[in-house]
């Protein structure tokens, strides 16, 4: 399904991969209240669609992935300006069960960086920059920056980004572990889709269980993480896919996954 030029969120399916494109390039793909609602709904729909195995999000144009929440719209709302921020926060807070990737084609500021943090893997262009400038505007990074960023880059680096509001470049983001790959700007979406295809070719039940164990186990003490790991193992070991994988290997053919 492909949106029209007037849509603020474009949705395109590439086989088992769903590509979501923030489509407000003149506003640097800032997350308005409406775009936040549509993005949250689209992520949930992709997660519930049995034909989709991986979701990818990117931004239209080459200047920006997402410049954050739409501050102009928030100011225009007057006393209710915080409502739009909560819409954006709700869109970013839930983490889908299926793999969620991002193709960062330009700057990722505020909620844009928080959207990167909501993803499992991130590919960015050489010109991408990352910042949490909220303190420069007297507001708070409430969409995950204060919660997820310390776990990804460590507390001191998270404090540097959060307290200064200053941006870091793509090589720095790679060295900090904020992104997985840095590629030329004209290849960022293609490279991300290629990575998504590698993931989509694997057994979906095992992929989902592995993601669940890593994402949730990272918050636990080691003994509790082992308990979570053992539960994931039991969930997968008796599945049809767990039988199909070794059988396909022995028969020298591609496995036919059912997700069961």
Protein backbone atom coordinates (compact mmCIF):
# COMPACT_ATOMS: atom_id res chain seq x y z
CA UNK A 1 0.00 0.00 0.00
CA UNK A 2 1.40 3.41 -0.94
CA UNK A 3 0.26 6.76 0.36
CA UNK A 4 -0.35 9.80 -1.84
CA UNK A 5 1.82 12.89 -1.87
CA UNK A 6 -0.59 14.50 0.60
CA UNK A 7 -0.25 11.77 3.21
CA UNK A 8 1.94 12.60 6.18
CA UNK A 9 2.81 8.92 6.65
CA UNK A 10 3.56 6.73 3.64
CA UNK A 11 3.17 2.96 3.95
CA UNK A 12 4.82 0.61 1.45
CA UNK A 13 5.12 -3.17 1.61
CA UNK A 14 8.22 -4.87 0.22
CA UNK A 15 7.17 -8.49 0.56
CA UNK A 16 7.31 -9.30 4.29
CA UNK A 17 8.83 -5.88 5.11
CA UNK A 18 6.72 -2.79 5.79
CA UNK A 19 8.35 0.58 5.16
CA UNK A 20 6.91 3.58 7.01
CA UNK A 21 8.02 7.02 5.77
CA UNK A 22 7.47 10.20 7.78
CA UNK A 23 6.32 12.55 5.03
CA UNK A 24 6.58 16.13 6.23
CA UNK A 25 9.88 17.13 4.58
CA UNK A 26 9.11 20.87 4.64
CA UNK A 27 8.77 20.58 8.43
CA UNK A 28 11.85 18.33 8.63
CA UNK A 29 9.46 15.42 9.29
CA UNK A 30 8.59 16.80 12.72
CA UNK A 31 6.08 14.67 14.62
CA UNK A 32 2.78 16.53 14.77
CA UNK A 33 -0.03 15.16 16.90
CA UNK A 34 -1.64 13.61 13.83
CA UNK A 35 1.60 12.07 12.58
CA UNK A 36 2.29 10.68 16.06
CA UNK A 37 -1.13 9.04 16.10
CA UNK A 38 -0.74 7.63 12.58
CA UNK A 39 2.76 6.35 13.30
CA UNK A 40 1.68 4.59 16.48
CA UNK A 41 -1.28 3.00 14.70
CA UNK A 42 0.88 1.93 11.74
CA UNK A 43 3.44 0.27 14.02
CA UNK A 44 0.69 -1.65 15.82
CA UNK A 45 -0.92 -2.69 12.52
CA UNK A 46 2.38 -3.98 11.15
CA UNK A 47 2.98 -5.93 14.36
CA UNK A 48 -0.47 -7.55 14.08
CA UNK A 49 -0.22 -8.34 10.35
CA UNK A 50 0.80 -12.02 9.88
CA UNK A 51 2.26 -11.22 6.47
CA UNK A 52 4.75 -8.67 7.88
CA UNK A 53 7.94 -9.86 9.57
CA UNK A 54 9.98 -6.64 9.85
CA UNK A 55 9.03 -2.95 10.04
CA UNK A 56 11.32 -0.15 8.83
CA UNK A 57 10.83 3.57 9.48
CA UNK A 58 12.53 6.45 7.64
CA UNK A 59 11.95 10.09 6.74
CA UNK A 60 11.17 11.77 3.42
CA UNK A 61 13.88 13.85 1.78
CA UNK A 62 17.59 13.95 2.56
CA UNK A 63 17.80 16.70 5.21
CA UNK A 64 15.99 15.10 8.12
CA UNK A 65 14.87 11.78 9.47
CA UNK A 66 12.79 13.57 12.11
CA UNK A 67 13.44 16.94 13.77
CA UNK A 68 11.42 16.00 16.85
CA UNK A 69 7.99 17.03 18.05
CA UNK A 70 6.33 19.86 16.11
CA UNK A 71 6.96 22.75 18.53
CA UNK A 72 5.09 25.26 16.37
CA UNK A 73 1.96 23.13 16.53
CA UNK A 74 2.39 22.67 20.26
CA UNK A 75 2.63 26.43 20.86
CA UNK A 76 -0.45 26.98 18.70
CA UNK A 77 -2.43 24.72 21.02
CA UNK A 78 -1.86 27.09 23.95
CA UNK A 79 -2.64 25.52 27.37
CA UNK A 80 -3.13 22.10 25.78
CA UNK A 81 0.28 22.12 24.06
CA UNK A 82 1.42 19.20 26.22
CA UNK A 83 -1.20 16.91 24.71
CA UNK A 84 0.72 16.58 21.43
CA UNK A 85 3.86 15.65 23.34
CA UNK A 86 1.97 12.86 25.11
CA UNK A 87 0.68 11.54 21.75
CA UNK A 88 4.26 11.35 20.51
CA UNK A 89 5.39 9.73 23.77
CA UNK A 90 2.69 7.05 23.51
CA UNK A 91 3.72 6.34 19.92
CA UNK A 92 7.34 5.81 20.97
CA UNK A 93 6.84 4.04 24.29
CA UNK A 94 5.45 0.72 23.05
CA UNK A 95 8.03 -1.61 21.54
CA UNK A 96 6.68 -3.97 18.87
CA UNK A 97 7.22 -7.70 19.16
CA UNK A 98 8.54 -7.96 15.60
CA UNK A 99 11.91 -6.52 14.55
CA UNK A 100 11.75 -2.72 14.11
CA UNK A 101 14.49 -1.02 12.10
CA UNK A 102 15.22 2.60 11.21
CA UNK A 103 16.89 4.20 8.20
CA UNK A 104 18.15 7.56 9.49
CA UNK A 105 18.52 9.67 6.35
CA UNK A 106 19.34 12.99 8.04
CA UNK A 107 19.13 14.73 11.39
CA UNK A 108 17.40 12.90 14.24
CA UNK A 109 16.63 15.38 17.00
CA UNK A 110 14.41 15.10 20.07
CA UNK A 111 11.59 12.68 19.31
CA UNK A 112 13.51 11.72 16.16
CA UNK A 113 16.36 10.36 18.27
CA UNK A 114 13.81 8.78 20.59
CA UNK A 115 12.29 7.00 17.59
CA UNK A 116 15.75 5.63 16.81
CA UNK A 117 15.95 4.39 20.40
CA UNK A 118 12.59 2.64 20.00
CA UNK A 119 14.01 0.60 17.11
CA UNK A 120 16.05 -2.58 17.39
CA UNK A 121 18.64 -1.78 14.70
CA UNK A 122 19.59 1.55 13.15
CA UNK A 123 21.27 2.33 9.83
CA UNK A 124 22.21 5.98 9.26
CA UNK A 125 23.62 8.09 6.47
CA UNK A 126 27.05 9.69 6.66
CA UNK A 127 25.39 13.10 7.10
CA UNK A 128 23.07 12.05 9.94
CA UNK A 129 23.30 13.89 13.26
CA UNK A 130 21.69 13.09 16.59
CA UNK A 131 20.62 15.35 19.47
CA UNK A 132 18.26 15.75 22.41
CA UNK A 133 17.90 19.56 22.41
CA UNK A 134 14.87 19.70 24.71
CA UNK A 135 16.75 21.46 27.54
CA UNK A 136 17.42 24.32 25.12
CA UNK A 137 13.65 24.78 24.82
CA UNK A 138 12.78 24.37 28.50
CA UNK A 139 11.09 21.00 28.02
CA UNK A 140 11.87 17.36 28.73
CA UNK A 141 12.84 14.46 26.46
CA UNK A 142 9.82 12.41 27.49
CA UNK A 143 9.60 9.92 24.60
CA UNK A 144 12.28 7.54 25.83
CA UNK A 145 15.46 9.60 25.71
CA UNK A 146 15.87 9.67 29.47
CA UNK A 147 14.85 6.01 29.83
CA UNK A 148 16.43 4.17 26.89
CA UNK A 149 19.47 6.27 25.99
CA UNK A 150 21.52 5.39 29.12
CA UNK A 151 21.06 1.68 28.39
CA UNK A 152 22.26 2.13 24.80
CA UNK A 153 25.23 4.52 25.16
CA UNK A 154 25.91 4.51 28.91
CA UNK A 155 24.91 7.11 31.53
CA UNK A 156 27.78 9.56 30.99
CA UNK A 157 27.25 9.81 27.25
CA UNK A 158 23.49 10.02 27.80
CA UNK A 159 24.06 12.89 30.22
CA UNK A 160 26.29 14.64 27.68
CA UNK A 161 23.57 14.54 25.03
CA UNK A 162 20.77 15.36 27.44
CA UNK A 163 22.34 18.17 29.50
CA UNK A 164 24.09 20.02 26.65
CA UNK A 165 21.48 19.55 23.93
CA UNK A 166 24.37 19.44 21.45
CA UNK A 167 24.43 17.11 18.45
CA UNK A 168 26.80 14.26 17.64
CA UNK A 169 27.70 13.13 14.12
CA UNK A 170 27.31 9.73 12.47
CA UNK A 171 30.82 8.38 13.24
CA UNK A 172 30.36 9.29 16.90
CA UNK A 173 26.92 7.65 16.97
CA UNK A 174 28.49 4.48 15.52
CA UNK A 175 31.35 4.46 18.05
CA UNK A 176 28.86 4.95 20.89
CA UNK A 177 26.69 2.06 19.71
CA UNK A 178 23.72 4.30 18.95
CA UNK A 179 23.61 3.01 15.35
CA UNK A 180 24.70 -0.25 13.72
CA UNK A 181 25.85 0.94 10.29
CA UNK A 182 26.85 4.21 8.60
CA UNK A 183 26.32 4.27 4.83
CA UNK A 184 26.22 6.82 1.98
CA UNK A 185 23.05 8.92 2.06
CA UNK A 186 21.75 7.60 -1.26
CA UNK A 187 21.91 4.02 0.03
CA UNK A 188 20.51 4.31 3.54
CA UNK A 189 17.01 2.99 2.79
CA UNK A 190 18.25 0.24 0.46
CA UNK A 191 20.84 -0.92 3.00
CA UNK A 192 18.22 -0.98 5.75
CA UNK A 193 15.80 -2.95 3.58
CA UNK A 194 18.61 -5.39 2.77
CA UNK A 195 19.23 -5.88 6.49
CA UNK A 196 15.49 -6.31 7.03
CA UNK A 197 15.38 -9.01 4.32
CA UNK A 198 18.12 -10.97 6.12
CA UNK A 199 16.04 -10.89 9.32
CA UNK A 200 12.77 -11.68 7.51
CA UNK A 201 14.35 -14.82 6.02
CA UNK A 202 14.86 -16.30 9.49
CA UNK A 203 12.34 -18.27 11.55
CA UNK A 204 9.80 -15.69 12.81
CA UNK A 205 9.02 -17.47 16.09
CA UNK A 206 12.71 -17.76 16.98
CA UNK A 207 13.32 -14.14 15.95
CA UNK A 208 10.46 -12.84 18.10
CA UNK A 209 11.49 -14.97 21.11
CA UNK A 210 15.13 -13.87 20.76
CA UNK A 211 14.14 -10.21 20.64
CA UNK A 212 11.87 -10.61 23.66
CA UNK A 213 14.62 -12.29 25.69
CA UNK A 214 17.22 -9.61 24.86
CA UNK A 215 15.03 -6.53 25.24
CA UNK A 216 13.40 -7.65 28.47
CA UNK A 217 16.37 -9.54 29.88
CA UNK A 218 18.57 -6.44 29.71
CA UNK A 219 16.48 -4.90 32.49
CA UNK A 220 16.76 -7.90 34.81
CA UNK A 221 19.29 -9.36 37.21
CA UNK A 222 21.25 -12.18 35.58
CA UNK A 223 19.39 -15.01 37.34
CA UNK A 224 16.05 -13.53 36.24
CA UNK A 225 17.38 -13.05 32.70
CA UNK A 226 18.29 -16.75 32.63
CA UNK A 227 14.74 -17.62 33.70
CA UNK A 228 13.40 -15.49 30.85
CA UNK A 229 15.87 -17.16 28.47
CA UNK A 230 14.75 -20.64 29.56
CA UNK A 231 11.11 -19.70 28.97
CA UNK A 232 11.93 -18.49 25.46
CA UNK A 233 13.79 -21.74 24.77
CA UNK A 234 10.82 -23.85 25.87
CA UNK A 235 8.50 -21.74 23.71
CA UNK A 236 10.54 -22.41 20.57
CA UNK A 237 12.02 -25.90 21.04
CA UNK A 238 8.83 -27.88 20.29
CA UNK A 239 7.63 -25.67 17.44
CA UNK A 240 7.21 -26.83 13.86
CA UNK A 241 9.89 -24.35 12.81
CA UNK A 242 12.38 -25.91 15.26
CA UNK A 243 11.87 -29.22 13.44
CA UNK A 244 11.88 -27.65 9.97
CA UNK A 245 15.22 -25.84 10.39
CA UNK A 246 17.43 -28.90 11.02
CA UNK A 247 15.45 -30.94 8.47
CA UNK A 248 15.96 -28.31 5.76
CA UNK A 249 19.66 -28.11 6.61
CA UNK A 250 20.04 -31.90 6.30
CA UNK A 251 18.13 -31.90 3.00
CA UNK A 252 20.16 -28.95 1.67
CA UNK A 253 17.14 -26.77 0.93
CA UNK A 254 15.69 -23.51 2.14
CA UNK A 255 13.45 -23.89 5.20
CA UNK A 256 9.73 -23.17 4.90
CA UNK A 257 8.83 -21.30 8.05
CA UNK A 258 5.28 -21.31 9.40
CA UNK A 259 5.77 -19.30 12.57
CA UNK A 260 4.35 -22.18 14.59
